């Protein structure tokens, strides 16, 4: 069986920020990684509702022009 390399991502945070992340993750019933991904997705689509050159909205997604 071939070995699969996993991608390791790390981040730095102040203790207070880490505690806030843990509280939000617990509130939503997810882990910290899933919480970060969810927040990044939400902010990405808020900032770029039509996507970018490389990241397009999912097929069938309702895209509104916020202008």
C-alpha atoms as a PDB file:
ATOM      1  CA  UNK A   1       0.000   0.000   0.000  1.00  0.00           C
ATOM      2  CA  UNK A   2       1.583   3.340  -1.026  1.00  0.00           C
ATOM      3  CA  UNK A   3       2.022   5.987   1.615  1.00  0.00           C
ATOM      4  CA  UNK A   4      -0.093   9.090   1.208  1.00  0.00           C
ATOM      5  CA  UNK A   5       1.447  12.371   2.275  1.00  0.00           C
ATOM      6  CA  UNK A   6      -0.888  14.524   4.296  1.00  0.00           C
ATOM      7  CA  UNK A   7      -0.828  18.286   4.120  1.00  0.00           C
ATOM      8  CA  UNK A   8      -0.194  19.843   7.493  1.00  0.00           C
ATOM      9  CA  UNK A   9      -1.481  23.348   8.129  1.00  0.00           C
ATOM     10  CA  UNK A  10      -0.734  25.296  11.261  1.00  0.00           C
ATOM     11  CA  UNK A  11      -1.604  28.714  12.555  1.00  0.00           C
ATOM     12  CA  UNK A  12      -0.596  30.955  15.424  1.00  0.00           C
ATOM     13  CA  UNK A  13      -3.085  32.614  17.699  1.00  0.00           C
ATOM     14  CA  UNK A  14      -3.031  34.542  20.932  1.00  0.00           C
ATOM     15  CA  UNK A  15      -4.390  32.541  23.879  1.00  0.00           C
ATOM     16  CA  UNK A  16      -7.541  34.699  23.979  1.00  0.00           C
ATOM     17  CA  UNK A  17      -8.194  34.148  20.258  1.00  0.00           C
ATOM     18  CA  UNK A  18      -7.682  30.406  20.657  1.00  0.00           C
ATOM     19  CA  UNK A  19     -10.149  30.340  23.544  1.00  0.00           C
ATOM     20  CA  UNK A  20     -12.702  32.234  21.414  1.00  0.00           C
ATOM     21  CA  UNK A  21     -12.191  29.685  18.618  1.00  0.00           C
ATOM     22  CA  UNK A  22     -12.720  26.813  21.043  1.00  0.00           C
ATOM     23  CA  UNK A  23     -15.928  28.396  22.363  1.00  0.00           C
ATOM     24  CA  UNK A  24     -17.321  28.987  18.847  1.00  0.00           C
ATOM     25  CA  UNK A  25     -16.415  25.436  17.807  1.00  0.00           C
ATOM     26  CA  UNK A  26     -18.106  24.002  20.900  1.00  0.00           C
ATOM     27  CA  UNK A  27     -21.194  26.170  20.266  1.00  0.00           C
ATOM     28  CA  UNK A  28     -21.520  24.816  16.709  1.00  0.00           C
ATOM     29  CA  UNK A  29     -20.620  21.270  17.723  1.00  0.00           C
ATOM     30  CA  UNK A  30     -17.614  21.111  15.424  1.00  0.00           C
ATOM     31  CA  UNK A  31     -13.865  20.940  15.870  1.00  0.00           C
ATOM     32  CA  UNK A  32     -11.599  23.980  15.576  1.00  0.00           C
ATOM     33  CA  UNK A  33     -10.469  23.066  12.062  1.00  0.00           C
ATOM     34  CA  UNK A  34     -14.037  22.791  10.753  1.00  0.00           C
ATOM     35  CA  UNK A  35     -14.918  26.074  12.439  1.00  0.00           C
ATOM     36  CA  UNK A  36     -12.022  27.883  10.771  1.00  0.00           C
ATOM     37  CA  UNK A  37     -12.934  26.445   7.354  1.00  0.00           C
ATOM     38  CA  UNK A  38     -16.575  27.447   7.800  1.00  0.00           C
ATOM     39  CA  UNK A  39     -15.638  31.013   8.747  1.00  0.00           C
ATOM     40  CA  UNK A  40     -13.214  31.313   5.823  1.00  0.00           C
ATOM     41  CA  UNK A  41     -15.848  30.055   3.363  1.00  0.00           C
ATOM     42  CA  UNK A  42     -18.451  32.447   4.723  1.00  0.00           C
ATOM     43  CA  UNK A  43     -16.064  35.412   4.470  1.00  0.00           C
ATOM     44  CA  UNK A  44     -14.856  34.383   0.995  1.00  0.00           C
ATOM     45  CA  UNK A  45     -18.390  34.270  -0.449  1.00  0.00           C
ATOM     46  CA  UNK A  46     -19.283  37.522   1.327  1.00  0.00           C
ATOM     47  CA  UNK A  47     -16.279  39.261  -0.213  1.00  0.00           C
ATOM     48  CA  UNK A  48     -16.447  37.533  -3.615  1.00  0.00           C
ATOM     49  CA  UNK A  49     -20.088  36.558  -4.261  1.00  0.00           C
ATOM     50  CA  UNK A  50     -19.357  35.732  -7.904  1.00  0.00           C
ATOM     51  CA  UNK A  51     -16.176  33.842  -7.100  1.00  0.00           C
ATOM     52  CA  UNK A  52     -12.767  34.505  -8.619  1.00  0.00           C
ATOM     53  CA  UNK A  53     -10.975  33.396 -11.776  1.00  0.00           C
ATOM     54  CA  UNK A  54     -10.008  30.100 -10.116  1.00  0.00           C
ATOM     55  CA  UNK A  55     -12.857  29.585  -7.651  1.00  0.00           C
ATOM     56  CA  UNK A  56     -16.302  29.538  -9.197  1.00  0.00           C
ATOM     57  CA  UNK A  57     -19.654  29.214  -7.428  1.00  0.00           C
ATOM     58  CA  UNK A  58     -21.118  25.711  -7.284  1.00  0.00           C
ATOM     59  CA  UNK A  59     -23.446  24.769 -10.136  1.00  0.00           C
ATOM     60  CA  UNK A  60     -26.947  25.948  -9.294  1.00  0.00           C
ATOM     61  CA  UNK A  61     -25.790  28.428  -6.656  1.00  0.00           C
ATOM     62  CA  UNK A  62     -27.817  31.629  -6.495  1.00  0.00           C
ATOM     63  CA  UNK A  63     -25.398  34.483  -7.155  1.00  0.00           C
ATOM     64  CA  UNK A  64     -26.512  38.023  -6.393  1.00  0.00           C
ATOM     65  CA  UNK A  65     -24.645  41.128  -7.452  1.00  0.00           C
ATOM     66  CA  UNK A  66     -24.092  43.107  -4.260  1.00  0.00           C
ATOM     67  CA  UNK A  67     -23.453  46.389  -6.091  1.00  0.00           C
END
